[in-house]
Amino acid sequence: AEVDDDDRTYCFCDGTTYGEMIACDETDCEREWFHLSCIGRTIPPEGAWFCEVCK
């Protein structure tokens, strides 16, 4: 079955893509992309970044 990316959810909030987002640098991260506002940031961190699950 083909995956419809429009229905895919990201981040801890299970939201869709909106606003500024950052990717977790763990290759097997389940969520992959996170909203900056959901991780408590207004600007992306410098260098590699790993979500709370992958840290």
N, C-alpha and C. Protein backbone atom coordinates (compact mmCIF):
# COMPACT_ATOMS: atom_id res chain seq x y z
N ALA A 1 0.85 -1.20 0.00
CA ALA A 1 0.00 0.00 0.00
C ALA A 1 0.88 1.24 0.00
N GLU A 2 0.45 2.22 -0.72
CA GLU A 2 1.20 3.47 -0.80
C GLU A 2 0.86 4.35 0.39
N VAL A 3 1.88 4.95 0.97
CA VAL A 3 1.66 5.83 2.12
C VAL A 3 1.33 7.23 1.62
N ASP A 4 0.26 7.79 2.13
CA ASP A 4 -0.13 9.15 1.77
C ASP A 4 0.51 10.10 2.77
N ASP A 5 1.53 10.83 2.33
CA ASP A 5 2.25 11.74 3.23
C ASP A 5 1.37 12.84 3.80
N ASP A 6 0.27 13.17 3.12
CA ASP A 6 -0.62 14.22 3.61
C ASP A 6 -1.27 13.83 4.93
N ASP A 7 -1.42 12.53 5.18
CA ASP A 7 -2.06 12.06 6.41
C ASP A 7 -1.05 11.73 7.50
N ARG A 8 0.23 11.88 7.20
CA ARG A 8 1.26 11.52 8.17
C ARG A 8 1.32 12.55 9.28
N THR A 9 1.54 12.07 10.49
CA THR A 9 1.68 12.98 11.63
C THR A 9 3.12 12.95 12.12
N TYR A 10 3.50 14.03 12.75
CA TYR A 10 4.86 14.21 13.23
C TYR A 10 4.82 14.74 14.65
N CYS A 11 5.99 14.84 15.25
CA CYS A 11 6.14 15.51 16.53
C CYS A 11 5.44 14.76 17.67
N PHE A 12 5.66 15.21 18.89
CA PHE A 12 5.01 14.61 20.06
C PHE A 12 3.53 14.96 20.10
N CYS A 13 3.15 16.03 19.39
CA CYS A 13 1.76 16.48 19.40
C CYS A 13 0.89 15.73 18.38
N ASP A 14 1.51 14.83 17.60
CA ASP A 14 0.80 14.12 16.52
C ASP A 14 0.19 15.07 15.51
N GLY A 15 0.85 16.20 15.30
CA GLY A 15 0.36 17.20 14.35
C GLY A 15 0.90 16.98 12.95
N THR A 16 0.37 17.75 12.03
CA THR A 16 0.86 17.72 10.66
C THR A 16 2.00 18.73 10.53
N THR A 17 2.51 18.89 9.33
CA THR A 17 3.61 19.84 9.13
C THR A 17 3.06 21.26 9.09
N TYR A 18 3.56 22.09 9.97
CA TYR A 18 3.22 23.51 9.98
C TYR A 18 4.31 24.24 10.75
N GLY A 19 4.46 25.51 10.46
CA GLY A 19 5.45 26.32 11.16
C GLY A 19 6.86 25.81 10.95
N GLU A 20 7.76 26.24 11.81
CA GLU A 20 9.15 25.82 11.71
C GLU A 20 9.34 24.48 12.39
N MET A 21 10.01 23.58 11.71
CA MET A 21 10.22 22.23 12.25
C MET A 21 11.69 21.86 12.18
N ILE A 22 12.08 20.88 13.01
CA ILE A 22 13.44 20.38 13.03
C ILE A 22 13.38 18.86 12.97
N ALA A 23 14.34 18.27 12.27
CA ALA A 23 14.40 16.81 12.15
C ALA A 23 15.30 16.24 13.23
N CYS A 24 14.88 15.13 13.81
CA CYS A 24 15.74 14.38 14.74
C CYS A 24 16.83 13.72 13.90
N ASP A 25 18.07 13.79 14.38
CA ASP A 25 19.20 13.23 13.62
C ASP A 25 19.38 11.72 13.80
N GLU A 26 18.51 11.08 14.57
CA GLU A 26 18.53 9.62 14.69
C GLU A 26 17.85 9.04 13.45
N THR A 27 18.56 8.19 12.70
CA THR A 27 18.01 7.69 11.44
C THR A 27 16.75 6.85 11.61
N ASP A 28 16.58 6.22 12.76
CA ASP A 28 15.40 5.38 12.98
C ASP A 28 14.32 6.06 13.82
N CYS A 29 14.38 7.38 13.96
CA CYS A 29 13.39 8.10 14.77
C CYS A 29 11.99 7.88 14.19
N GLU A 30 11.07 7.49 15.06
CA GLU A 30 9.70 7.20 14.63
C GLU A 30 8.96 8.47 14.17
N ARG A 31 9.18 9.56 14.85
CA ARG A 31 8.46 10.81 14.53
C ARG A 31 9.19 11.64 13.48
N GLU A 32 10.50 11.64 13.51
CA GLU A 32 11.38 12.29 12.54
C GLU A 32 11.37 13.82 12.59
N TRP A 33 10.23 14.45 12.45
CA TRP A 33 10.16 15.92 12.44
C TRP A 33 9.39 16.44 13.65
N PHE A 34 9.85 17.57 14.19
CA PHE A 34 9.26 18.15 15.40
C PHE A 34 9.08 19.65 15.22
N HIS A 35 7.96 20.16 15.74
CA HIS A 35 7.71 21.61 15.72
C HIS A 35 8.61 22.26 16.77
N LEU A 36 9.26 23.35 16.40
CA LEU A 36 10.12 24.05 17.36
C LEU A 36 9.34 24.45 18.61
N SER A 37 8.09 24.89 18.42
CA SER A 37 7.29 25.31 19.57
C SER A 37 7.02 24.15 20.53
N CYS A 38 6.91 22.93 20.01
CA CYS A 38 6.63 21.77 20.86
C CYS A 38 7.85 21.31 21.65
N ILE A 39 9.05 21.65 21.18
CA ILE A 39 10.26 21.28 21.92
C ILE A 39 10.79 22.46 22.73
N GLY A 40 9.99 23.53 22.80
CA GLY A 40 10.34 24.67 23.64
C GLY A 40 11.43 25.56 23.08
N ARG A 41 11.53 25.64 21.76
CA ARG A 41 12.55 26.49 21.14
C ARG A 41 11.91 27.45 20.15
N THR A 42 12.58 28.57 19.94
CA THR A 42 12.12 29.50 18.91
C THR A 42 13.05 29.47 17.70
N ILE A 43 14.29 29.01 17.92
CA ILE A 43 15.24 28.85 16.81
C ILE A 43 15.83 27.45 16.90
N PRO A 44 16.20 26.87 15.76
CA PRO A 44 16.79 25.51 15.79
C PRO A 44 18.13 25.51 16.52
N PRO A 45 18.43 24.44 17.26
CA PRO A 45 19.73 24.35 17.93
C PRO A 45 20.84 24.16 16.90
N GLU A 46 22.05 24.52 17.28
CA GLU A 46 23.22 24.33 16.41
C GLU A 46 23.61 22.86 16.38
N GLY A 47 24.08 22.38 15.26
CA GLY A 47 24.59 21.02 15.15
C GLY A 47 23.51 19.96 15.20
N ALA A 48 23.94 18.74 15.49
CA ALA A 48 23.02 17.60 15.52
C ALA A 48 22.02 17.76 16.67
N TRP A 49 20.79 17.30 16.43
CA TRP A 49 19.76 17.38 17.47
C TRP A 49 19.01 16.05 17.51
N PHE A 50 18.77 15.56 18.72
CA PHE A 50 18.04 14.31 18.92
C PHE A 50 16.84 14.57 19.82
N CYS A 51 15.69 14.01 19.47
CA CYS A 51 14.48 14.20 20.27
C CYS A 51 14.62 13.49 21.62
N GLU A 52 13.69 13.74 22.51
CA GLU A 52 13.73 13.16 23.86
C GLU A 52 13.73 11.63 23.84
N VAL A 53 13.06 11.03 22.89
CA VAL A 53 12.99 9.57 22.80
C VAL A 53 14.33 8.98 22.34
N CYS A 54 14.99 9.65 21.43
CA CYS A 54 16.22 9.12 20.83
C CYS A 54 17.50 9.52 21.56
N LYS A 55 17.42 10.45 22.50
CA LYS A 55 18.62 10.92 23.22
C LYS A 55 19.36 9.78 23.86
